[in-house]
């Protein structure tokens, strides 16, 4: 009988590298749903597939060795963060290549094909979220958990140990700040 996600996470925390290999199939549907959510607003006919994004996240997790995942929700939050990194890295690479930057092609180039508008949005959002983290890391973490892993305010509260009211309040503030940052940059471009 297969181990439960909790047991596999505990084994991973204890340094069992094979635990991640067993955990991913248990949460694969959730990971693929998260990846599809990231790609939902992409232009019709784009070549980026959720499976390629999930595979890249898995490779990054496996390459890092053991990780201190607290629970299933935390694992999904880390996966969401890695998805953000993969997409942002690809968007930056694609943008630089279009400008003749001579940057080496990203490993998933064929699978990750953003429209120029989408690439600029991904980069602007990542820059704004990075700036928010410098000002208020808690708000940035809440946004990451909400939008990159699809967690509800209740789930974020459970993972972070903060009240649901505080999570909702801080998310509202963070989203207003991010909206202002991203729209301000768009107006300057």
C-alpha atoms as a PDB file:
ATOM      1  CA  UNK A   1       0.000   0.000   0.000  1.00  0.00           C
ATOM      2  CA  UNK A   2       1.302   3.430  -0.926  1.00  0.00           C
ATOM      3  CA  UNK A   3       2.313   5.831   1.816  1.00  0.00           C
ATOM      4  CA  UNK A   4       0.078   8.807   2.507  1.00  0.00           C
ATOM      5  CA  UNK A   5       1.227  12.273   1.499  1.00  0.00           C
ATOM      6  CA  UNK A   6       1.898  13.133   5.148  1.00  0.00           C
ATOM      7  CA  UNK A   7       4.100  10.099   5.615  1.00  0.00           C
ATOM      8  CA  UNK A   8       6.006  10.809   2.409  1.00  0.00           C
ATOM      9  CA  UNK A   9       6.527  14.434   3.403  1.00  0.00           C
ATOM     10  CA  UNK A  10       7.889  13.304   6.770  1.00  0.00           C
ATOM     11  CA  UNK A  11      10.226  10.862   5.022  1.00  0.00           C
ATOM     12  CA  UNK A  12      11.409  13.616   2.677  1.00  0.00           C
ATOM     13  CA  UNK A  13      12.100  15.898   5.633  1.00  0.00           C
ATOM     14  CA  UNK A  14      14.171  13.099   7.158  1.00  0.00           C
ATOM     15  CA  UNK A  15      16.308  12.935   4.011  1.00  0.00           C
ATOM     16  CA  UNK A  16      14.673  10.070   2.100  1.00  0.00           C
ATOM     17  CA  UNK A  17      15.199  11.180  -1.513  1.00  0.00           C
ATOM     18  CA  UNK A  18      12.824   8.518  -2.875  1.00  0.00           C
ATOM     19  CA  UNK A  19       9.908  10.006  -0.924  1.00  0.00           C
ATOM     20  CA  UNK A  20       9.564  12.862  -3.435  1.00  0.00           C
ATOM     21  CA  UNK A  21       9.327  10.333  -6.268  1.00  0.00           C
ATOM     22  CA  UNK A  22       6.439   8.675  -4.450  1.00  0.00           C
ATOM     23  CA  UNK A  23       4.786  11.952  -3.400  1.00  0.00           C
ATOM     24  CA  UNK A  24       4.529  13.590  -6.824  1.00  0.00           C
ATOM     25  CA  UNK A  25       2.136  10.987  -8.289  1.00  0.00           C
ATOM     26  CA  UNK A  26      -0.137  11.418  -5.250  1.00  0.00           C
ATOM     27  CA  UNK A  27      -0.452  15.174  -5.815  1.00  0.00           C
ATOM     28  CA  UNK A  28       0.068  15.229  -9.581  1.00  0.00           C
ATOM     29  CA  UNK A  29      -3.545  16.168 -10.360  1.00  0.00           C
ATOM     30  CA  UNK A  30      -3.298  19.157  -8.015  1.00  0.00           C
ATOM     31  CA  UNK A  31       0.043  20.216  -9.500  1.00  0.00           C
ATOM     32  CA  UNK A  32      -1.326  19.960 -13.025  1.00  0.00           C
ATOM     33  CA  UNK A  33      -4.409  21.984 -12.034  1.00  0.00           C
ATOM     34  CA  UNK A  34      -2.122  24.701 -10.613  1.00  0.00           C
ATOM     35  CA  UNK A  35      -0.039  24.717 -13.797  1.00  0.00           C
ATOM     36  CA  UNK A  36      -3.168  24.947 -15.945  1.00  0.00           C
ATOM     37  CA  UNK A  37      -4.303  27.891 -13.819  1.00  0.00           C
ATOM     38  CA  UNK A  38      -1.087  29.728 -14.578  1.00  0.00           C
ATOM     39  CA  UNK A  39      -1.576  29.141 -18.275  1.00  0.00           C
ATOM     40  CA  UNK A  40      -5.310  29.853 -18.459  1.00  0.00           C
ATOM     41  CA  UNK A  41      -4.903  33.387 -19.819  1.00  0.00           C
ATOM     42  CA  UNK A  42      -2.395  32.460 -22.504  1.00  0.00           C
ATOM     43  CA  UNK A  43      -3.260  33.056 -26.131  1.00  0.00           C
ATOM     44  CA  UNK A  44      -5.179  30.297 -27.969  1.00  0.00           C
ATOM     45  CA  UNK A  45      -2.910  27.686 -29.526  1.00  0.00           C
ATOM     46  CA  UNK A  46       0.082  28.399 -27.268  1.00  0.00           C
ATOM     47  CA  UNK A  47       2.593  25.592 -26.959  1.00  0.00           C
ATOM     48  CA  UNK A  48       3.112  25.677 -23.200  1.00  0.00           C
ATOM     49  CA  UNK A  49       1.623  22.612 -21.597  1.00  0.00           C
ATOM     50  CA  UNK A  50       0.841  22.164 -17.893  1.00  0.00           C
ATOM     51  CA  UNK A  51       2.644  18.818 -17.964  1.00  0.00           C
ATOM     52  CA  UNK A  52       5.908  20.450 -19.041  1.00  0.00           C
ATOM     53  CA  UNK A  53       5.610  22.987 -16.217  1.00  0.00           C
ATOM     54  CA  UNK A  54       4.922  20.267 -13.623  1.00  0.00           C
ATOM     55  CA  UNK A  55       7.869  18.247 -14.923  1.00  0.00           C
ATOM     56  CA  UNK A  56      10.221  21.223 -14.635  1.00  0.00           C
ATOM     57  CA  UNK A  57       9.044  21.862 -11.053  1.00  0.00           C
ATOM     58  CA  UNK A  58       9.639  18.214 -10.199  1.00  0.00           C
ATOM     59  CA  UNK A  59      13.154  18.362 -11.641  1.00  0.00           C
ATOM     60  CA  UNK A  60      13.935  21.450  -9.564  1.00  0.00           C
ATOM     61  CA  UNK A  61      12.590  19.825  -6.400  1.00  0.00           C
ATOM     62  CA  UNK A  62      14.471  16.591  -7.050  1.00  0.00           C
ATOM     63  CA  UNK A  63      17.657  18.525  -7.778  1.00  0.00           C
ATOM     64  CA  UNK A  64      17.410  20.331  -4.464  1.00  0.00           C
ATOM     65  CA  UNK A  65      17.504  17.101  -2.456  1.00  0.00           C
ATOM     66  CA  UNK A  66      15.473  16.793   0.716  1.00  0.00           C
ATOM     67  CA  UNK A  67      13.170  19.633   1.647  1.00  0.00           C
ATOM     68  CA  UNK A  68      11.489  20.713   4.841  1.00  0.00           C
ATOM     69  CA  UNK A  69       7.874  20.501   3.699  1.00  0.00           C
ATOM     70  CA  UNK A  70       5.592  20.968   6.677  1.00  0.00           C
ATOM     71  CA  UNK A  71       2.567  19.334   5.081  1.00  0.00           C
ATOM     72  CA  UNK A  72       0.772  18.794   1.780  1.00  0.00           C
ATOM     73  CA  UNK A  73      -0.318  22.429   1.589  1.00  0.00           C
ATOM     74  CA  UNK A  74       3.229  23.660   2.168  1.00  0.00           C
ATOM     75  CA  UNK A  75       4.507  21.269  -0.518  1.00  0.00           C
ATOM     76  CA  UNK A  76       1.960  22.702  -2.984  1.00  0.00           C
ATOM     77  CA  UNK A  77       2.987  26.231  -1.968  1.00  0.00           C
ATOM     78  CA  UNK A  78       6.624  25.453  -2.745  1.00  0.00           C
ATOM     79  CA  UNK A  79       5.556  23.950  -6.077  1.00  0.00           C
ATOM     80  CA  UNK A  80       3.602  27.124  -6.856  1.00  0.00           C
ATOM     81  CA  UNK A  81       6.635  29.263  -6.064  1.00  0.00           C
ATOM     82  CA  UNK A  82       8.774  27.131  -8.374  1.00  0.00           C
ATOM     83  CA  UNK A  83       6.178  27.421 -11.144  1.00  0.00           C
ATOM     84  CA  UNK A  84       6.385  31.178 -10.804  1.00  0.00           C
ATOM     85  CA  UNK A  85      10.175  31.011 -11.089  1.00  0.00           C
ATOM     86  CA  UNK A  86      10.068  28.790 -14.187  1.00  0.00           C
ATOM     87  CA  UNK A  87       7.524  30.991 -15.953  1.00  0.00           C
ATOM     88  CA  UNK A  88       9.308  34.210 -15.060  1.00  0.00           C
ATOM     89  CA  UNK A  89      12.676  32.852 -16.127  1.00  0.00           C
ATOM     90  CA  UNK A  90      11.225  31.778 -19.444  1.00  0.00           C
ATOM     91  CA  UNK A  91       9.479  35.114 -19.986  1.00  0.00           C
ATOM     92  CA  UNK A  92      12.692  37.026 -19.281  1.00  0.00           C
ATOM     93  CA  UNK A  93      14.702  34.763 -21.590  1.00  0.00           C
ATOM     94  CA  UNK A  94      12.163  35.059 -24.383  1.00  0.00           C
ATOM     95  CA  UNK A  95      12.021  38.831 -24.018  1.00  0.00           C
ATOM     96  CA  UNK A  96      15.818  39.142 -24.050  1.00  0.00           C
ATOM     97  CA  UNK A  97      16.082  36.904 -27.120  1.00  0.00           C
ATOM     98  CA  UNK A  98      13.561  39.037 -29.003  1.00  0.00           C
ATOM     99  CA  UNK A  99      15.761  42.042 -28.260  1.00  0.00           C
ATOM    100  CA  UNK A 100      18.813  40.220 -29.604  1.00  0.00           C
ATOM    101  CA  UNK A 101      20.232  39.635 -26.143  1.00  0.00           C
ATOM    102  CA  UNK A 102      22.134  36.526 -27.197  1.00  0.00           C
ATOM    103  CA  UNK A 103      20.800  34.628 -24.202  1.00  0.00           C
ATOM    104  CA  UNK A 104      21.007  30.838 -24.333  1.00  0.00           C
ATOM    105  CA  UNK A 105      17.606  29.269 -24.984  1.00  0.00           C
ATOM    106  CA  UNK A 106      15.714  28.056 -21.929  1.00  0.00           C
ATOM    107  CA  UNK A 107      15.512  24.279 -21.532  1.00  0.00           C
ATOM    108  CA  UNK A 108      11.748  24.159 -22.116  1.00  0.00           C
ATOM    109  CA  UNK A 109      11.800  26.666 -24.998  1.00  0.00           C
ATOM    110  CA  UNK A 110       9.532  24.639 -27.262  1.00  0.00           C
ATOM    111  CA  UNK A 111       7.003  23.933 -24.546  1.00  0.00           C
ATOM    112  CA  UNK A 112       7.004  27.433 -23.041  1.00  0.00           C
ATOM    113  CA  UNK A 113       5.862  29.764 -25.770  1.00  0.00           C
ATOM    114  CA  UNK A 114       4.512  33.017 -24.329  1.00  0.00           C
ATOM    115  CA  UNK A 115       3.049  35.775 -26.383  1.00  0.00           C
ATOM    116  CA  UNK A 116       5.081  39.010 -26.001  1.00  0.00           C
ATOM    117  CA  UNK A 117       2.225  40.582 -24.021  1.00  0.00           C
ATOM    118  CA  UNK A 118       2.005  37.615 -21.652  1.00  0.00           C
ATOM    119  CA  UNK A 119       5.779  37.579 -21.134  1.00  0.00           C
ATOM    120  CA  UNK A 120       5.745  41.269 -20.200  1.00  0.00           C
ATOM    121  CA  UNK A 121       2.876  40.678 -17.752  1.00  0.00           C
ATOM    122  CA  UNK A 122       4.617  37.708 -16.106  1.00  0.00           C
ATOM    123  CA  UNK A 123       7.807  39.741 -15.713  1.00  0.00           C
ATOM    124  CA  UNK A 124       5.986  42.814 -14.394  1.00  0.00           C
ATOM    125  CA  UNK A 125       4.045  40.729 -11.871  1.00  0.00           C
ATOM    126  CA  UNK A 126       7.177  38.922 -10.713  1.00  0.00           C
ATOM    127  CA  UNK A 127       9.052  42.221 -10.339  1.00  0.00           C
ATOM    128  CA  UNK A 128       6.153  43.719  -8.399  1.00  0.00           C
ATOM    129  CA  UNK A 129       5.852  40.665  -6.153  1.00  0.00           C
ATOM    130  CA  UNK A 130       9.600  40.760  -5.489  1.00  0.00           C
ATOM    131  CA  UNK A 131       9.310  44.462  -4.592  1.00  0.00           C
ATOM    132  CA  UNK A 132       6.366  43.699  -2.312  1.00  0.00           C
ATOM    133  CA  UNK A 133       8.402  40.995  -0.560  1.00  0.00           C
ATOM    134  CA  UNK A 134      11.073  43.593   0.200  1.00  0.00           C
ATOM    135  CA  UNK A 135       8.442  45.842   1.774  1.00  0.00           C
ATOM    136  CA  UNK A 136       6.199  43.211   3.385  1.00  0.00           C
ATOM    137  CA  UNK A 137       7.226  39.570   3.100  1.00  0.00           C
ATOM    138  CA  UNK A 138       4.037  38.340   4.768  1.00  0.00           C
ATOM    139  CA  UNK A 139       1.807  39.967   2.167  1.00  0.00           C
ATOM    140  CA  UNK A 140       3.979  38.628  -0.652  1.00  0.00           C
ATOM    141  CA  UNK A 141       3.799  35.110   0.801  1.00  0.00           C
ATOM    142  CA  UNK A 142       0.010  35.324   1.093  1.00  0.00           C
ATOM    143  CA  UNK A 143      -0.265  36.392  -2.562  1.00  0.00           C
ATOM    144  CA  UNK A 144       2.009  33.552  -3.651  1.00  0.00           C
ATOM    145  CA  UNK A 145      -0.001  30.994  -1.732  1.00  0.00           C
ATOM    146  CA  UNK A 146      -3.316  32.370  -2.988  1.00  0.00           C
ATOM    147  CA  UNK A 147      -2.565  32.848  -6.650  1.00  0.00           C
ATOM    148  CA  UNK A 148       0.284  30.501  -7.384  1.00  0.00           C
ATOM    149  CA  UNK A 149      -0.945  27.509  -5.423  1.00  0.00           C
ATOM    150  CA  UNK A 150      -4.665  28.296  -5.407  1.00  0.00           C
ATOM    151  CA  UNK A 151      -5.024  28.148  -1.629  1.00  0.00           C
ATOM    152  CA  UNK A 152      -8.051  29.659   0.038  1.00  0.00           C
ATOM    153  CA  UNK A 153      -7.730  32.191   2.845  1.00  0.00           C
ATOM    154  CA  UNK A 154      -8.592  29.402   5.296  1.00  0.00           C
ATOM    155  CA  UNK A 155      -5.792  27.191   3.940  1.00  0.00           C
ATOM    156  CA  UNK A 156      -3.294  30.053   4.037  1.00  0.00           C
ATOM    157  CA  UNK A 157      -4.270  30.746   7.636  1.00  0.00           C
ATOM    158  CA  UNK A 158      -3.770  27.087   8.541  1.00  0.00           C
ATOM    159  CA  UNK A 159      -0.345  26.899   6.879  1.00  0.00           C
ATOM    160  CA  UNK A 160       0.960  30.202   8.232  1.00  0.00           C
ATOM    161  CA  UNK A 161      -0.667  30.141  11.663  1.00  0.00           C
ATOM    162  CA  UNK A 162      -2.296  33.538  11.057  1.00  0.00           C
ATOM    163  CA  UNK A 163      -5.992  34.317  11.479  1.00  0.00           C
ATOM    164  CA  UNK A 164      -8.236  34.083   8.427  1.00  0.00           C
ATOM    165  CA  UNK A 165      -9.296  37.700   8.987  1.00  0.00           C
ATOM    166  CA  UNK A 166      -5.682  38.857   8.874  1.00  0.00           C
ATOM    167  CA  UNK A 167      -4.997  36.811   5.725  1.00  0.00           C
ATOM    168  CA  UNK A 168      -7.996  38.324   3.923  1.00  0.00           C
ATOM    169  CA  UNK A 169      -7.146  41.854   5.070  1.00  0.00           C
ATOM    170  CA  UNK A 170      -3.475  41.574   4.095  1.00  0.00           C
ATOM    171  CA  UNK A 171      -4.381  40.032   0.719  1.00  0.00           C
ATOM    172  CA  UNK A 172      -6.646  42.983  -0.095  1.00  0.00           C
ATOM    173  CA  UNK A 173      -3.859  45.432   0.730  1.00  0.00           C
ATOM    174  CA  UNK A 174      -1.279  43.413  -1.214  1.00  0.00           C
ATOM    175  CA  UNK A 175      -3.457  43.111  -4.299  1.00  0.00           C
ATOM    176  CA  UNK A 176      -4.130  46.841  -4.366  1.00  0.00           C
ATOM    177  CA  UNK A 177      -0.396  47.500  -4.035  1.00  0.00           C
ATOM    178  CA  UNK A 178       0.467  45.010  -6.795  1.00  0.00           C
ATOM    179  CA  UNK A 179      -2.210  46.435  -9.080  1.00  0.00           C
ATOM    180  CA  UNK A 180      -0.779  49.906  -8.638  1.00  0.00           C
ATOM    181  CA  UNK A 181       2.785  48.667  -9.231  1.00  0.00           C
ATOM    182  CA  UNK A 182       1.993  46.648 -12.352  1.00  0.00           C
ATOM    183  CA  UNK A 183      -0.255  49.315 -13.886  1.00  0.00           C
ATOM    184  CA  UNK A 184       2.257  52.019 -13.063  1.00  0.00           C
ATOM    185  CA  UNK A 185       4.993  50.093 -14.876  1.00  0.00           C
ATOM    186  CA  UNK A 186       2.717  49.466 -17.850  1.00  0.00           C
ATOM    187  CA  UNK A 187       2.003  53.177 -18.129  1.00  0.00           C
ATOM    188  CA  UNK A 188       5.761  53.925 -18.068  1.00  0.00           C
ATOM    189  CA  UNK A 189       6.600  51.344 -20.770  1.00  0.00           C
END
